[in-house]
Every structure is written in structure tokens, then in C-alpha cells.
PDB file of all heavy atoms in Angstrom:
ATOM      1  N   SER A   1      -4.718  29.916  14.447  1.00  0.00           N
ATOM      2  CA  SER A   1      -6.019  29.383  13.963  1.00  0.00           C
ATOM      3  C   SER A   1      -7.075  30.497  13.874  1.00  0.00           C
ATOM      4  O   SER A   1      -6.807  31.636  14.320  1.00  0.00           O
ATOM      5  CB  SER A   1      -6.552  28.329  14.954  1.00  0.00           C
ATOM      6  OG  SER A   1      -6.841  28.938  16.198  1.00  0.00           O
ATOM      7  N   TRP A   2      -8.170  30.160  13.222  1.00  0.00           N
ATOM      8  CA  TRP A   2      -9.256  31.110  12.968  1.00  0.00           C
ATOM      9  C   TRP A   2     -10.064  31.419  14.167  1.00  0.00           C
ATOM     10  O   TRP A   2     -10.786  32.336  14.217  1.00  0.00           O
ATOM     11  CB  TRP A   2     -10.122  30.619  11.882  1.00  0.00           C
ATOM     12  CG  TRP A   2     -10.938  29.409  12.287  1.00  0.00           C
ATOM     13  CD1 TRP A   2     -10.670  28.173  12.140  1.00  0.00           C
ATOM     14  CD2 TRP A   2     -12.240  29.456  12.941  1.00  0.00           C
ATOM     15  NE1 TRP A   2     -11.647  27.293  12.704  1.00  0.00           N
ATOM     16  CE2 TRP A   2     -12.602  28.079  13.150  1.00  0.00           C
ATOM     17  CE3 TRP A   2     -13.075  30.495  13.396  1.00  0.00           C
ATOM     18  CZ2 TRP A   2     -13.773  27.743  13.867  1.00  0.00           C
ATOM     19  CZ3 TRP A   2     -14.301  30.126  14.069  1.00  0.00           C
ATOM     20  CH2 TRP A   2     -14.590  28.775  14.278  1.00  0.00           C
ATOM     21  N   ASN A   3      -9.916  30.636  15.246  1.00  0.00           N
ATOM     22  CA  ASN A   3     -10.835  30.570  16.330  1.00  0.00           C
ATOM     23  C   ASN A   3     -11.345  31.935  16.752  1.00  0.00           C
ATOM     24  O   ASN A   3     -10.705  32.937  16.852  1.00  0.00           O
ATOM     25  CB  ASN A   3     -10.104  29.979  17.546  1.00  0.00           C
ATOM     26  CG  ASN A   3     -11.084  29.574  18.665  1.00  0.00           C
ATOM     27  OD1 ASN A   3     -11.386  30.391  19.495  1.00  0.00           O
ATOM     28  ND2 ASN A   3     -11.522  28.358  18.617  1.00  0.00           N
ATOM     29  N   TRP A   4     -12.683  31.979  17.064  1.00  0.00           N
ATOM     30  CA  TRP A   4     -13.375  33.213  17.202  1.00  0.00           C
ATOM     31  C   TRP A   4     -12.785  34.037  18.343  1.00  0.00           C
ATOM     32  O   TRP A   4     -12.971  35.277  18.352  1.00  0.00           O
ATOM     33  CB  TRP A   4     -14.865  32.881  17.524  1.00  0.00           C
ATOM     34  CG  TRP A   4     -15.051  32.127  18.817  1.00  0.00           C
ATOM     35  CD1 TRP A   4     -15.054  30.818  19.023  1.00  0.00           C
ATOM     36  CD2 TRP A   4     -15.256  32.677  20.100  1.00  0.00           C
ATOM     37  NE1 TRP A   4     -15.206  30.471  20.313  1.00  0.00           N
ATOM     38  CE2 TRP A   4     -15.398  31.635  20.992  1.00  0.00           C
ATOM     39  CE3 TRP A   4     -15.464  34.065  20.578  1.00  0.00           C
ATOM     40  CZ2 TRP A   4     -15.606  31.848  22.390  1.00  0.00           C
ATOM     41  CZ3 TRP A   4     -15.691  34.220  21.912  1.00  0.00           C
ATOM     42  CH2 TRP A   4     -15.755  33.133  22.802  1.00  0.00           C
ATOM     43  N   ASN A   5     -12.123  33.498  19.378  1.00  0.00           N
ATOM     44  CA  ASN A   5     -11.708  34.255  20.486  1.00  0.00           C
ATOM     45  C   ASN A   5     -10.232  34.682  20.272  1.00  0.00           C
ATOM     46  O   ASN A   5      -9.562  34.877  21.251  1.00  0.00           O
ATOM     47  CB  ASN A   5     -11.859  33.458  21.763  1.00  0.00           C
ATOM     48  CG  ASN A   5     -11.016  32.161  21.840  1.00  0.00           C
ATOM     49  OD1 ASN A   5     -10.422  31.855  20.846  1.00  0.00           O
ATOM     50  ND2 ASN A   5     -10.973  31.546  22.954  1.00  0.00           N
ATOM     51  N   GLY A   6      -9.851  34.819  19.078  1.00  0.00           N
ATOM     52  CA  GLY A   6      -8.515  35.404  18.852  1.00  0.00           C
ATOM     53  C   GLY A   6      -7.486  34.477  18.212  1.00  0.00           C
ATOM     54  O   GLY A   6      -6.527  34.850  17.664  1.00  0.00           O
ATOM     55  N   GLY A   7      -7.807  33.193  18.240  1.00  0.00           N
ATOM     56  CA  GLY A   7      -6.913  32.216  17.599  1.00  0.00           C
ATOM     57  C   GLY A   7      -5.934  31.596  18.503  1.00  0.00           C
ATOM     58  O   GLY A   7      -5.484  32.204  19.491  1.00  0.00           O
ATOM     59  N   ARG A   8      -5.585  30.354  18.186  1.00  0.00           N
ATOM     60  CA  ARG A   8      -4.571  29.629  18.921  1.00  0.00           C
ATOM     61  C   ARG A   8      -3.327  29.633  18.122  1.00  0.00           C
ATOM     62  O   ARG A   8      -3.396  29.389  16.894  1.00  0.00           O
ATOM     63  CB  ARG A   8      -5.095  28.210  19.157  1.00  0.00           C
ATOM     64  CG  ARG A   8      -4.183  27.219  19.893  1.00  0.00           C
ATOM     65  CD  ARG A   8      -4.868  25.914  20.181  1.00  0.00           C
ATOM     66  NE  ARG A   8      -5.351  25.341  18.942  1.00  0.00           N
ATOM     67  CZ  ARG A   8      -6.176  24.301  18.966  1.00  0.00           C
ATOM     68  NH1 ARG A   8      -6.628  23.778  20.049  1.00  0.00           N
ATOM     69  NH2 ARG A   8      -6.553  23.831  17.809  1.00  0.00           N
ATOM     70  N   THR A   9      -2.192  29.785  18.729  1.00  0.00           N
ATOM     71  CA  THR A   9      -0.922  29.815  18.101  1.00  0.00           C
ATOM     72  C   THR A   9      -0.074  28.583  18.211  1.00  0.00           C
ATOM     73  O   THR A   9      -0.262  27.869  19.252  1.00  0.00           O
ATOM     74  CB  THR A   9      -0.105  31.029  18.475  1.00  0.00           C
ATOM     75  OG1 THR A   9       0.003  31.087  19.908  1.00  0.00           O
ATOM     76  CG2 THR A   9      -0.750  32.373  18.077  1.00  0.00           C
ATOM     77  N   TYR A  10       0.751  28.331  17.262  1.00  0.00           N
ATOM     78  CA  TYR A  10       1.654  27.201  17.296  1.00  0.00           C
ATOM     79  C   TYR A  10       2.953  27.649  16.632  1.00  0.00           C
ATOM     80  O   TYR A  10       2.872  28.250  15.501  1.00  0.00           O
ATOM     81  CB  TYR A  10       1.018  26.035  16.605  1.00  0.00           C
ATOM     82  CG  TYR A  10       1.807  24.760  16.640  1.00  0.00           C
ATOM     83  CD1 TYR A  10       2.014  24.024  17.791  1.00  0.00           C
ATOM     84  CD2 TYR A  10       2.410  24.338  15.474  1.00  0.00           C
ATOM     85  CE1 TYR A  10       2.765  22.895  17.828  1.00  0.00           C
ATOM     86  CE2 TYR A  10       3.208  23.177  15.437  1.00  0.00           C
ATOM     87  CZ  TYR A  10       3.361  22.476  16.582  1.00  0.00           C
ATOM     88  OH  TYR A  10       4.091  21.302  16.611  1.00  0.00           O
ATOM     89  N   TYR A  11       4.089  27.265  17.203  1.00  0.00           N
ATOM     90  CA  TYR A  11       5.335  27.665  16.656  1.00  0.00           C
ATOM     91  C   TYR A  11       6.325  26.544  16.482  1.00  0.00           C
ATOM     92  O   TYR A  11       6.328  25.554  17.181  1.00  0.00           O
ATOM     93  CB  TYR A  11       6.004  28.720  17.623  1.00  0.00           C
ATOM     94  CG  TYR A  11       5.228  29.946  17.885  1.00  0.00           C
ATOM     95  CD1 TYR A  11       4.310  30.019  18.989  1.00  0.00           C
ATOM     96  CD2 TYR A  11       5.244  31.030  16.991  1.00  0.00           C
ATOM     97  CE1 TYR A  11       3.519  31.104  19.185  1.00  0.00           C
ATOM     98  CE2 TYR A  11       4.459  32.213  17.219  1.00  0.00           C
ATOM     99  CZ  TYR A  11       3.587  32.179  18.361  1.00  0.00           C
ATOM    100  OH  TYR A  11       2.832  33.264  18.577  1.00  0.00           O
ATOM    101  N   ALA A  12       7.233  26.707  15.487  1.00  0.00           N
ATOM    102  CA  ALA A  12       8.320  25.885  15.365  1.00  0.00           C
ATOM    103  C   ALA A  12       9.275  25.991  16.532  1.00  0.00           C
ATOM    104  O   ALA A  12       9.397  27.126  17.098  1.00  0.00           O
ATOM    105  CB  ALA A  12       9.054  26.139  14.078  1.00  0.00           C
ATOM    106  N   ASP A  13       9.943  24.958  16.923  1.00  0.00           N
ATOM    107  CA  ASP A  13      10.852  25.010  18.089  1.00  0.00           C
ATOM    108  C   ASP A  13      11.936  26.062  17.908  1.00  0.00           C
ATOM    109  O   ASP A  13      12.346  26.685  18.881  1.00  0.00           O
ATOM    110  CB  ASP A  13      11.457  23.649  18.292  1.00  0.00           C
ATOM    111  CG  ASP A  13      10.469  22.612  18.864  1.00  0.00           C
ATOM    112  OD1 ASP A  13       9.413  23.052  19.377  1.00  0.00           O
ATOM    113  OD2 ASP A  13      10.753  21.364  18.807  1.00  0.00           O
ATOM    114  N   SER A  14      12.381  26.249  16.700  1.00  0.00           N
ATOM    115  CA  SER A  14      13.472  27.156  16.457  1.00  0.00           C
ATOM    116  C   SER A  14      13.118  28.619  16.683  1.00  0.00           C
ATOM    117  O   SER A  14      14.039  29.448  16.863  1.00  0.00           O
ATOM    118  CB  SER A  14      13.934  27.017  14.973  1.00  0.00           C
ATOM    119  OG  SER A  14      12.874  27.312  14.098  1.00  0.00           O
ATOM    120  N   VAL A  15      11.856  28.955  16.766  1.00  0.00           N
ATOM    121  CA  VAL A  15      11.475  30.329  17.021  1.00  0.00           C
ATOM    122  C   VAL A  15      10.672  30.539  18.254  1.00  0.00           C
ATOM    123  O   VAL A  15      10.356  31.696  18.579  1.00  0.00           O
ATOM    124  CB  VAL A  15      10.680  30.881  15.778  1.00  0.00           C
ATOM    125  CG1 VAL A  15      11.477  30.667  14.472  1.00  0.00           C
ATOM    126  CG2 VAL A  15       9.253  30.231  15.667  1.00  0.00           C
ATOM    127  N   LYS A  16      10.288  29.466  18.907  1.00  0.00           N
ATOM    128  CA  LYS A  16       9.469  29.492  20.096  1.00  0.00           C
ATOM    129  C   LYS A  16      10.196  30.410  21.132  1.00  0.00           C
ATOM    130  O   LYS A  16      11.362  30.332  21.416  1.00  0.00           O
ATOM    131  CB  LYS A  16       9.254  28.105  20.642  1.00  0.00           C
ATOM    132  CG  LYS A  16       8.019  27.979  21.526  1.00  0.00           C
ATOM    133  CD  LYS A  16       7.799  26.491  21.851  1.00  0.00           C
ATOM    134  CE  LYS A  16       7.373  25.716  20.667  1.00  0.00           C
ATOM    135  NZ  LYS A  16       7.110  24.312  20.974  1.00  0.00           N
ATOM    136  N   GLY A  17       9.348  31.346  21.674  1.00  0.00           N
ATOM    137  CA  GLY A  17       9.890  32.249  22.708  1.00  0.00           C
ATOM    138  C   GLY A  17      10.457  33.521  22.112  1.00  0.00           C
ATOM    139  O   GLY A  17      10.694  34.458  22.837  1.00  0.00           O
ATOM    140  N   ARG A  18      10.690  33.574  20.801  1.00  0.00           N
ATOM    141  CA  ARG A  18      11.301  34.755  20.176  1.00  0.00           C
ATOM    142  C   ARG A  18      10.249  35.405  19.190  1.00  0.00           C
ATOM    143  O   ARG A  18      10.317  36.612  19.022  1.00  0.00           O
ATOM    144  CB  ARG A  18      12.508  34.362  19.343  1.00  0.00           C
ATOM    145  CG  ARG A  18      13.675  33.769  20.254  1.00  0.00           C
ATOM    146  CD  ARG A  18      14.915  33.649  19.439  1.00  0.00           C
ATOM    147  NE  ARG A  18      14.821  32.708  18.309  1.00  0.00           N
ATOM    148  CZ  ARG A  18      15.052  33.008  17.009  1.00  0.00           C
ATOM    149  NH1 ARG A  18      15.457  34.215  16.700  1.00  0.00           N
ATOM    150  NH2 ARG A  18      14.908  32.104  16.083  1.00  0.00           N
ATOM    151  N   PHE A  19       9.436  34.550  18.562  1.00  0.00           N
ATOM    152  CA  PHE A  19       8.505  35.010  17.586  1.00  0.00           C
ATOM    153  C   PHE A  19       7.119  34.984  18.143  1.00  0.00           C
ATOM    154  O   PHE A  19       6.782  34.085  18.885  1.00  0.00           O
ATOM    155  CB  PHE A  19       8.574  34.175  16.304  1.00  0.00           C
ATOM    156  CG  PHE A  19       9.737  34.360  15.497  1.00  0.00           C
ATOM    157  CD1 PHE A  19      10.936  35.062  15.955  1.00  0.00           C
ATOM    158  CD2 PHE A  19       9.853  33.860  14.202  1.00  0.00           C
ATOM    159  CE1 PHE A  19      12.054  35.158  15.165  1.00  0.00           C
ATOM    160  CE2 PHE A  19      11.022  33.982  13.418  1.00  0.00           C
ATOM    161  CZ  PHE A  19      12.105  34.630  13.933  1.00  0.00           C
ATOM    162  N   THR A  20       6.241  35.943  17.727  1.00  0.00           N
ATOM    163  CA  THR A  20       4.840  35.982  18.163  1.00  0.00           C
ATOM    164  C   THR A  20       3.966  36.225  16.984  1.00  0.00           C
ATOM    165  O   THR A  20       4.200  37.241  16.252  1.00  0.00           O
ATOM    166  CB  THR A  20       4.648  37.061  19.262  1.00  0.00           C
ATOM    167  OG1 THR A  20       5.472  36.774  20.383  1.00  0.00           O
ATOM    168  CG2 THR A  20       3.191  36.996  19.678  1.00  0.00           C
ATOM    169  N   ILE A  21       2.941  35.450  16.854  1.00  0.00           N
ATOM    170  CA  ILE A  21       1.929  35.646  15.736  1.00  0.00           C
ATOM    171  C   ILE A  21       0.635  36.089  16.343  1.00  0.00           C
ATOM    172  O   ILE A  21       0.227  35.584  17.373  1.00  0.00           O
ATOM    173  CB  ILE A  21       1.761  34.325  15.002  1.00  0.00           C
ATOM    174  CG1 ILE A  21       3.048  33.889  14.268  1.00  0.00           C
ATOM    175  CG2 ILE A  21       0.600  34.479  13.933  1.00  0.00           C
ATOM    176  CD1 ILE A  21       2.987  32.553  13.660  1.00  0.00           C
ATOM    177  N   SER A  22       0.074  37.070  15.690  1.00  0.00           N
ATOM    178  CA  SER A  22      -1.264  37.567  16.096  1.00  0.00           C
ATOM    179  C   SER A  22      -2.082  37.892  14.854  1.00  0.00           C
ATOM    180  O   SER A  22      -1.530  37.884  13.757  1.00  0.00           O
ATOM    181  CB  SER A  22      -1.090  38.786  17.017  1.00  0.00           C
ATOM    182  OG  SER A  22      -0.436  39.836  16.308  1.00  0.00           O
ATOM    183  N   ARG A  23      -3.347  38.120  15.087  1.00  0.00           N
ATOM    184  CA  ARG A  23      -4.202  38.489  13.947  1.00  0.00           C
ATOM    185  C   ARG A  23      -5.201  39.537  14.351  1.00  0.00           C
ATOM    186  O   ARG A  23      -5.581  39.623  15.532  1.00  0.00           O
ATOM    187  CB  ARG A  23      -4.846  37.244  13.356  1.00  0.00           C
ATOM    188  CG  ARG A  23      -5.910  36.570  14.322  1.00  0.00           C
ATOM    189  CD  ARG A  23      -6.408  35.252  13.751  1.00  0.00           C
ATOM    190  NE  ARG A  23      -7.073  35.396  12.452  1.00  0.00           N
ATOM    191  CZ  ARG A  23      -7.273  34.427  11.545  1.00  0.00           C
ATOM    192  NH1 ARG A  23      -6.777  33.210  11.854  1.00  0.00           N
ATOM    193  NH2 ARG A  23      -7.905  34.654  10.452  1.00  0.00           N
ATOM    194  N   ASP A  24      -5.607  40.324  13.336  1.00  0.00           N
ATOM    195  CA  ASP A  24      -6.678  41.357  13.591  1.00  0.00           C
ATOM    196  C   ASP A  24      -7.674  41.055  12.469  1.00  0.00           C
ATOM    197  O   ASP A  24      -7.520  41.453  11.340  1.00  0.00           O
ATOM    198  CB  ASP A  24      -6.069  42.739  13.468  1.00  0.00           C
ATOM    199  CG  ASP A  24      -7.106  43.781  13.739  1.00  0.00           C
ATOM    200  OD1 ASP A  24      -8.305  43.512  13.688  1.00  0.00           O
ATOM    201  OD2 ASP A  24      -6.681  44.967  13.985  1.00  0.00           O
ATOM    202  N   ASN A  25      -8.744  40.400  12.847  1.00  0.00           N
ATOM    203  CA  ASN A  25      -9.753  39.989  11.791  1.00  0.00           C
ATOM    204  C   ASN A  25     -10.422  41.219  11.270  1.00  0.00           C
ATOM    205  O   ASN A  25     -10.970  41.194  10.150  1.00  0.00           O
ATOM    206  CB  ASN A  25     -10.763  39.062  12.447  1.00  0.00           C
ATOM    207  CG  ASN A  25     -10.189  37.655  12.608  1.00  0.00           C
ATOM    208  OD1 ASN A  25      -9.143  37.287  12.105  1.00  0.00           O
ATOM    209  ND2 ASN A  25     -10.760  36.861  13.591  1.00  0.00           N
ATOM    210  N   ALA A  26     -10.594  42.323  12.073  1.00  0.00           N
ATOM    211  CA  ALA A  26     -11.222  43.523  11.540  1.00  0.00           C
ATOM    212  C   ALA A  26     -10.374  44.149  10.381  1.00  0.00           C
ATOM    213  O   ALA A  26     -10.944  44.835   9.512  1.00  0.00           O
ATOM    214  CB  ALA A  26     -11.383  44.524  12.633  1.00  0.00           C
ATOM    215  N   ARG A  27      -9.052  43.915  10.448  1.00  0.00           N
ATOM    216  CA  ARG A  27      -8.156  44.473   9.410  1.00  0.00           C
ATOM    217  C   ARG A  27      -7.752  43.442   8.407  1.00  0.00           C
ATOM    218  O   ARG A  27      -6.941  43.695   7.519  1.00  0.00           O
ATOM    219  CB  ARG A  27      -6.944  45.078  10.108  1.00  0.00           C
ATOM    220  CG  ARG A  27      -7.235  46.227  10.992  1.00  0.00           C
ATOM    221  CD  ARG A  27      -5.963  46.807  11.656  1.00  0.00           C
ATOM    222  NE  ARG A  27      -6.233  47.910  12.573  1.00  0.00           N
ATOM    223  CZ  ARG A  27      -6.319  49.123  12.182  1.00  0.00           C
ATOM    224  NH1 ARG A  27      -6.076  49.496  10.952  1.00  0.00           N
ATOM    225  NH2 ARG A  27      -6.573  50.138  13.075  1.00  0.00           N
ATOM    226  N   ASN A  28      -8.252  42.224   8.580  1.00  0.00           N
ATOM    227  CA  ASN A  28      -7.862  41.143   7.651  1.00  0.00           C
ATOM    228  C   ASN A  28      -6.360  40.947   7.556  1.00  0.00           C
ATOM    229  O   ASN A  28      -5.727  40.805   6.482  1.00  0.00           O
ATOM    230  CB  ASN A  28      -8.427  41.338   6.218  1.00  0.00           C
ATOM    231  CG  ASN A  28      -9.941  41.066   6.136  1.00  0.00           C
ATOM    232  OD1 ASN A  28     -10.568  40.790   7.114  1.00  0.00           O
ATOM    233  ND2 ASN A  28     -10.411  41.197   4.929  1.00  0.00           N
ATOM    234  N   THR A  29      -5.690  41.058   8.699  1.00  0.00           N
ATOM    235  CA  THR A  29      -4.219  41.021   8.717  1.00  0.00           C
ATOM    236  C   THR A  29      -3.721  40.152   9.789  1.00  0.00           C
ATOM    237  O   THR A  29      -4.240  39.998  10.956  1.00  0.00           O
ATOM    238  CB  THR A  29      -3.725  42.480   8.980  1.00  0.00           C
ATOM    239  OG1 THR A  29      -4.225  43.386   7.944  1.00  0.00           O
ATOM    240  CG2 THR A  29      -2.210  42.511   8.976  1.00  0.00           C
ATOM    241  N   VAL A  30      -2.661  39.424   9.474  1.00  0.00           N
ATOM    242  CA  VAL A  30      -1.942  38.552  10.408  1.00  0.00           C
ATOM    243  C   VAL A  30      -0.523  39.168  10.496  1.00  0.00           C
ATOM    244  O   VAL A  30       0.063  39.717   9.596  1.00  0.00           O
ATOM    245  CB  VAL A  30      -1.883  37.120   9.957  1.00  0.00           C
ATOM    246  CG1 VAL A  30      -1.199  36.916   8.671  1.00  0.00           C
ATOM    247  CG2 VAL A  30      -1.274  36.233  11.039  1.00  0.00           C
ATOM    248  N   TYR A  31      -0.004  39.060  11.797  1.00  0.00           N
ATOM    249  CA  TYR A  31       1.296  39.642  12.039  1.00  0.00           C
ATOM    250  C   TYR A  31       2.278  38.617  12.521  1.00  0.00           C
ATOM    251  O   TYR A  31       1.934  37.609  13.125  1.00  0.00           O
ATOM    252  CB  TYR A  31       1.137  40.721  13.172  1.00  0.00           C
ATOM    253  CG  TYR A  31       0.101  41.829  12.853  1.00  0.00           C
ATOM    254  CD1 TYR A  31      -1.147  41.712  13.278  1.00  0.00           C
ATOM    255  CD2 TYR A  31       0.517  42.911  12.026  1.00  0.00           C
ATOM    256  CE1 TYR A  31      -2.141  42.679  12.992  1.00  0.00           C
ATOM    257  CE2 TYR A  31      -0.459  43.877  11.771  1.00  0.00           C
ATOM    258  CZ  TYR A  31      -1.758  43.786  12.202  1.00  0.00           C
ATOM    259  OH  TYR A  31      -2.672  44.746  11.851  1.00  0.00           O
ATOM    260  N   LEU A  32       3.569  38.949  12.308  1.00  0.00           N
ATOM    261  CA  LEU A  32       4.655  38.084  12.850  1.00  0.00           C
ATOM    262  C   LEU A  32       5.660  39.079  13.463  1.00  0.00           C
ATOM    263  O   LEU A  32       6.326  39.754  12.751  1.00  0.00           O
ATOM    264  CB  LEU A  32       5.287  37.285  11.738  1.00  0.00           C
ATOM    265  CG  LEU A  32       6.536  36.477  12.131  1.00  0.00           C
ATOM    266  CD1 LEU A  32       6.161  35.376  13.193  1.00  0.00           C
ATOM    267  CD2 LEU A  32       7.142  35.780  10.911  1.00  0.00           C
ATOM    268  N   GLN A  33       5.700  39.018  14.779  1.00  0.00           N
ATOM    269  CA  GLN A  33       6.675  39.851  15.540  1.00  0.00           C
ATOM    270  C   GLN A  33       7.873  38.972  15.807  1.00  0.00           C
ATOM    271  O   GLN A  33       7.774  37.890  16.448  1.00  0.00           O
ATOM    272  CB  GLN A  33       6.097  40.342  16.837  1.00  0.00           C
ATOM    273  CG  GLN A  33       7.080  41.136  17.746  1.00  0.00           C
ATOM    274  CD  GLN A  33       7.480  42.442  17.071  1.00  0.00           C
ATOM    275  OE1 GLN A  33       6.745  43.175  16.470  1.00  0.00           O
ATOM    276  NE2 GLN A  33       8.811  42.747  17.200  1.00  0.00           N
TER     277      GLN A  33
END
């Protein structure tokens, strides 16, 4: 989510625990590890 404090994440069950999403608003970039 866009939330000002870094965002809330939500994952599909198939990837939960293996994938991580983050964002850097200063760089206008979202990541998928």
C-alpha cells in the first residue's frame, strides 16, 4: 500500500514466506525480492 509509514504488504499464499515486496518512494520504485 501507499501508506506513509512504508506501506502494508499482502501476499498470495503461494509465495508467502518466500517473496518480499518493498518500496522506496524517494526513488519511485517498488521491489520484489
